[in-house]
Protein backbone atom coordinates (compact mmCIF):
# COMPACT_ATOMS: atom_id res chain seq x y z
CA MET A 1 111.63 143.74 145.16
CA PRO A 2 108.31 142.12 145.07
CA THR A 3 106.25 145.19 144.85
CA ALA A 4 108.31 147.27 142.38
CA SER A 5 108.28 143.92 140.45
CA LEU A 6 104.37 143.80 140.51
CA LEU A 7 103.85 147.65 139.52
CA ASP A 8 105.63 147.46 136.56
CA ARG A 9 103.95 144.31 135.38
CA PHE A 10 100.64 145.81 136.06
CA LEU A 11 101.91 148.91 133.97
CA ASP A 12 103.03 146.97 131.14
CA GLY A 13 99.73 145.32 131.21
CA LEU A 14 97.87 148.39 131.22
CA THR A 15 99.59 149.92 128.17
CA PRO A 16 96.90 148.58 125.89
CA LEU A 17 94.59 150.40 127.32
CA ARG A 18 96.50 153.57 126.74
CA PRO A 19 96.51 155.26 129.97
CA ARG A 20 96.62 158.90 130.58
CA ALA A 21 98.06 158.55 134.14
CA VAL A 22 98.25 155.97 136.78
CA TRP A 23 98.54 157.15 140.30
CA ALA A 24 99.66 155.66 143.62
CA HIS A 25 97.51 156.82 146.88
CA GLY A 26 97.53 155.53 150.08
CA SER A 27 100.18 154.06 151.81
CA LEU A 28 102.23 153.56 148.85
CA ALA A 29 102.35 157.57 148.20
CA GLY A 30 102.59 158.45 151.73
CA GLY A 31 105.28 157.09 153.08
CA ASP A 32 103.85 154.51 155.31
CA TYR A 33 104.09 151.22 153.06
CA GLN A 34 104.60 148.17 154.76
CA GLU A 35 105.64 145.37 151.50
CA GLY A 36 103.22 142.35 152.45
CA ARG A 37 101.08 144.23 155.13
CA SER A 38 99.66 147.27 153.08
CA ASP A 39 97.45 147.34 149.91
CA LEU A 40 98.51 148.89 146.85
CA ASP A 41 96.07 151.61 146.20
CA LEU A 42 95.82 152.80 142.59
CA ILE A 43 94.08 154.84 140.13
CA ALA A 44 94.15 154.72 136.45
CA LEU A 45 92.69 157.12 133.99
CA LEU A 46 91.73 155.89 130.82
CA PRO A 47 91.07 158.14 127.68
CA GLY A 48 87.57 156.93 126.99
CA PRO A 49 84.50 155.26 128.15
CA VAL A 50 84.81 152.15 130.04
CA GLY A 51 82.67 149.75 128.22
CA LEU A 52 81.96 146.37 128.63
CA GLY A 53 85.39 145.31 126.44
CA THR A 54 87.23 147.44 128.56
CA VAL A 55 86.29 145.85 131.63
CA ARG A 56 87.03 142.34 129.95
CA ARG A 57 90.31 143.36 129.37
CA VAL A 58 90.89 144.83 132.98
CA VAL A 59 89.67 141.68 134.35
CA ALA A 60 91.93 139.83 132.44
CA LEU A 61 94.67 141.93 133.25
CA HIS A 62 94.40 141.58 137.07
CA ARG A 63 94.36 137.66 137.00
CA SER A 64 97.03 137.36 134.69
CA LEU A 65 98.83 138.60 137.81
CA ARG A 66 97.29 136.73 140.25
CA ALA A 67 100.20 134.36 140.90
CA LEU A 68 102.81 137.06 141.13
CA PRO A 69 103.49 138.06 145.37
CA LEU A 70 101.24 140.99 146.78
CA ALA A 71 98.56 140.73 143.52
CA ALA A 72 96.02 140.33 145.77
CA LYS A 73 96.94 143.45 147.77
CA LEU A 74 96.70 145.31 144.29
CA HIS A 75 93.84 147.61 144.09
CA CYS A 76 92.71 150.08 141.07
CA SER A 77 90.01 152.39 139.98
CA TYR A 78 89.27 153.32 136.67
CA LEU A 79 88.26 156.58 135.63
CA THR A 80 88.14 158.58 132.54
CA PRO A 81 88.30 162.42 131.55
CA ALA A 82 84.67 162.71 131.56
CA THR A 83 83.84 161.11 134.94
CA LEU A 84 86.67 162.79 137.01
CA ASP A 85 84.32 165.57 138.73
CA ASP A 86 81.96 163.94 141.12
CA PRO A 87 83.44 162.46 143.98
CA ASP A 88 79.71 160.43 144.57
CA ARG A 89 80.36 158.83 141.15
CA SER A 90 80.82 154.87 141.23
CA HIS A 91 84.06 153.60 138.88
CA LEU A 92 84.96 150.46 138.10
CA THR A 93 87.24 148.96 140.49
CA TRP A 94 89.51 145.79 140.74
CA ALA A 95 89.89 145.04 144.35
CA HIS A 96 89.82 142.12 146.64
CA ARG A 97 90.07 139.66 143.63
CA ARG A 98 86.87 140.97 142.22
CA VAL A 99 85.19 143.73 139.95
CA LEU A 100 83.57 146.45 141.94
CA ARG A 101 82.25 149.60 141.30
CA ARG A 102 82.89 152.38 144.30
CA PRO A 103 83.95 155.97 144.47
CA VAL A 104 86.59 157.88 144.45
CA THR A 105 86.39 159.93 147.96
CA PRO A 106 86.97 163.04 148.90
CA VAL A 107 89.90 161.36 151.09
CA THR A 108 91.64 159.97 148.13
CA ARG A 109 91.59 162.91 146.15
CA ARG A 110 93.09 165.35 148.54
CA GLU A 111 95.45 162.42 149.03
CA LEU A 112 96.33 162.45 144.95
CA HIS A 113 96.61 166.53 145.45
CA ASP A 114 99.04 166.59 148.47
CA PHE A 115 101.15 163.59 147.91
CA GLY A 116 100.10 161.54 145.13
CA ARG A 117 102.63 159.35 143.27
CA VAL A 118 102.99 159.62 139.69
CA LEU A 119 103.51 156.04 138.11
CA HIS A 120 102.72 157.01 134.35
CA GLY A 121 101.79 160.05 132.63
CA GLU A 122 100.25 163.13 133.86
CA SER A 123 99.87 164.75 137.61
CA PRO A 124 96.82 164.84 139.64
CA ALA A 125 97.55 168.59 139.83
CA GLY A 126 96.52 169.06 135.85
CA LEU A 127 93.77 166.65 135.63
CA LEU A 128 91.63 166.24 139.18
CA PRO A 129 89.79 169.08 140.38
CA PRO A 130 90.69 170.30 143.66
CA VAL A 131 89.23 169.22 147.05
CA PRO A 132 87.71 172.27 149.00
CA GLN A 133 88.22 171.96 152.84
CA GLY A 134 84.50 171.79 153.49
CA GLN A 135 83.84 168.98 151.27
CA LEU A 136 86.55 166.84 152.73
CA SER A 137 85.54 167.94 156.20
CA ALA A 138 81.70 166.69 155.57
CA TYR A 139 82.89 163.56 153.97
CA VAL A 140 84.89 162.80 156.97
CA VAL A 141 82.01 163.37 159.50
CA ARG A 142 79.73 161.35 157.34
CA ASP A 143 81.91 158.39 156.89
CA GLN A 144 82.18 158.23 160.58
CA ARG A 145 78.35 158.65 161.01
CA ASP A 146 76.84 156.59 158.64
CA PHE A 147 79.71 153.97 158.36
CA TRP A 148 81.89 153.31 161.15
CA ARG A 149 79.34 154.26 164.12
CA PRO A 150 76.79 151.60 162.58
CA ALA A 151 80.09 149.22 162.62
CA VAL A 152 80.66 149.53 166.07
CA GLY A 153 77.20 147.38 166.78
CA LYS A 154 78.06 144.51 164.70
CA ALA A 155 80.32 142.68 167.06
CA ARG A 156 81.87 139.78 165.16
CA LEU A 157 83.39 142.41 162.87
CA TRP A 158 85.54 143.29 165.44
CA ARG A 159 87.67 140.37 166.15
CA GLN A 160 88.93 140.84 162.80
CA ASP A 161 92.19 142.23 162.80
CA ALA A 162 91.70 144.82 160.09
CA TRP A 163 88.32 146.20 161.29
CA VAL A 164 90.26 146.98 164.82
CA ASP A 165 92.68 148.40 162.99
CA LEU A 166 90.85 150.52 160.43
CA GLY A 167 88.33 151.52 162.88
CA LEU A 168 90.47 153.28 165.47
CA LEU A 169 92.98 154.76 162.82
CA THR A 170 90.23 156.19 160.38
CA LEU A 171 88.90 158.12 163.86
CA ALA A 172 92.18 159.50 164.35
CA ARG A 173 92.87 160.43 160.88
CA ALA A 174 89.14 162.04 160.61
CA THR A 175 89.93 163.59 164.04
CA VAL A 176 92.91 165.49 162.87
CA THR A 177 91.28 166.20 159.25
CA LEU A 178 88.80 167.56 161.13
CA ARG A 179 91.09 169.91 163.63
CA ASP A 180 93.91 170.57 161.65
CA GLY A 181 92.76 170.47 158.18
CA ARG A 182 95.32 167.75 156.92
CA LEU A 183 95.76 164.09 156.12
CA VAL A 184 98.02 162.24 157.86
CA SER A 185 99.68 158.72 157.68
CA LYS A 186 98.36 155.55 159.63
CA ARG A 187 101.63 156.00 161.57
CA GLU A 188 100.91 159.55 162.06
CA ALA A 189 97.39 158.21 163.34
CA LEU A 190 98.64 155.33 165.56
CA GLY A 191 100.83 158.29 167.53
CA GLU A 192 97.65 160.65 167.91
CA LEU A 193 95.70 157.53 169.42
CA PRO A 194 96.82 157.58 172.94
CA ALA A 195 95.83 161.32 173.28
CA LEU A 196 92.30 160.55 171.79
CA GLY A 197 91.97 157.98 174.93
CA ALA A 198 92.06 155.08 172.77
CA PRO A 199 92.72 151.69 174.58
CA VAL A 200 96.43 151.34 175.29
CA GLU A 201 96.67 147.88 174.91
CA VAL A 202 94.89 148.09 171.43
CA VAL A 203 97.22 150.69 170.13
CA LYS A 204 100.69 148.58 171.16
CA ASP A 205 98.89 145.65 169.60
CA ILE A 206 98.17 147.27 166.20
CA THR A 207 101.60 148.73 166.35
CA ARG A 208 103.37 145.44 166.79
CA ARG A 209 101.46 143.94 164.05
CA ARG A 210 102.11 146.68 161.59
CA TYR A 211 105.62 147.29 162.56
CA ALA A 212 106.90 144.10 163.98
CA ASP A 213 106.59 140.46 163.48
CA PRO A 214 104.29 138.94 166.95
CA ALA A 215 103.03 136.21 167.75
CA PRO A 216 99.44 135.08 166.48
CA ALA A 217 96.85 136.47 168.90
CA ASP A 218 94.87 133.58 171.20
CA GLY A 219 90.92 134.03 171.37
CA ALA A 220 91.10 135.39 174.73
CA TRP A 221 93.02 138.43 173.53
CA VAL A 222 90.92 138.72 170.55
CA ALA A 223 88.07 138.93 172.30
CA ARG A 224 89.00 141.49 175.02
CA ARG A 225 90.40 143.69 172.02
CA ALA A 226 87.10 143.66 170.23
CA GLU A 227 85.32 144.79 173.76
CA LEU A 228 87.68 147.27 174.43
CA THR A 229 87.70 148.90 170.82
CA ARG A 230 84.08 148.79 170.66
CA ALA A 231 83.51 150.44 174.05
CA TYR A 232 86.24 153.32 172.91
CA LEU A 233 85.01 153.72 169.70
CA GLY A 234 81.48 154.20 169.72
CA PRO A 235 81.47 157.01 172.35
CA ALA A 236 84.50 158.45 170.37
CA ILE A 237 82.77 158.95 166.95
CA ASP A 238 79.41 160.30 168.80
CA LYS A 239 81.71 163.12 170.11
CA LEU A 240 83.28 163.68 166.89
CA VAL A 241 79.97 163.81 164.93
CA ALA A 242 78.44 166.19 167.56
CA THR A 243 81.64 168.60 167.57
CA HIS A 244 81.69 168.56 163.90
CA GLY A 245 78.61 167.23 162.47
């Protein structure tokens, strides 16, 4: 299985950095992983400071994997015990075939506590601080207000599958988190969207592309889908933020 083979090679290549733990979150941990479609979202806890030498070794590791199937979908953030506590702190991250710096958000931290998958070493429960519900809710509202709401105004983005999918699914997941205090998978979020008033055609489109093997969309549908998504998301985000912000 390509996913298992890739993870084995990654963990083996990580051994010289002496990780205390490697955890999976997202779809791989939450039971909704679709091989070849879902990302492989990982966290590696290294024992000491992440200096230039460590950065070079991380880059070399990921580049050594790039010929393997699915390697482009493997994303990993690198933390240390001294940098675990602050959810706003940015960490060395390999994603989208390059080095980035980004935080491990309260949503990711809660995922790790609720259903994180231990690939190596210690459990998140013994190392990662808990995420209070207030902190999680505040982050979810801020993400909708400050990231997703401005993005609705950028028409060109919404001709891309990923923006349509993530825009609607993130709204549904945010709604459930704020309403019920829990995290849900993308599959569960899809089931929530019709009751939230999302365009039925777009929800069906996401479902086909995620769980079936549809023919490529034509340009007319891509344009219509973008209009439907933006027309729905703007007011829906405004309502969510007004209710919970």
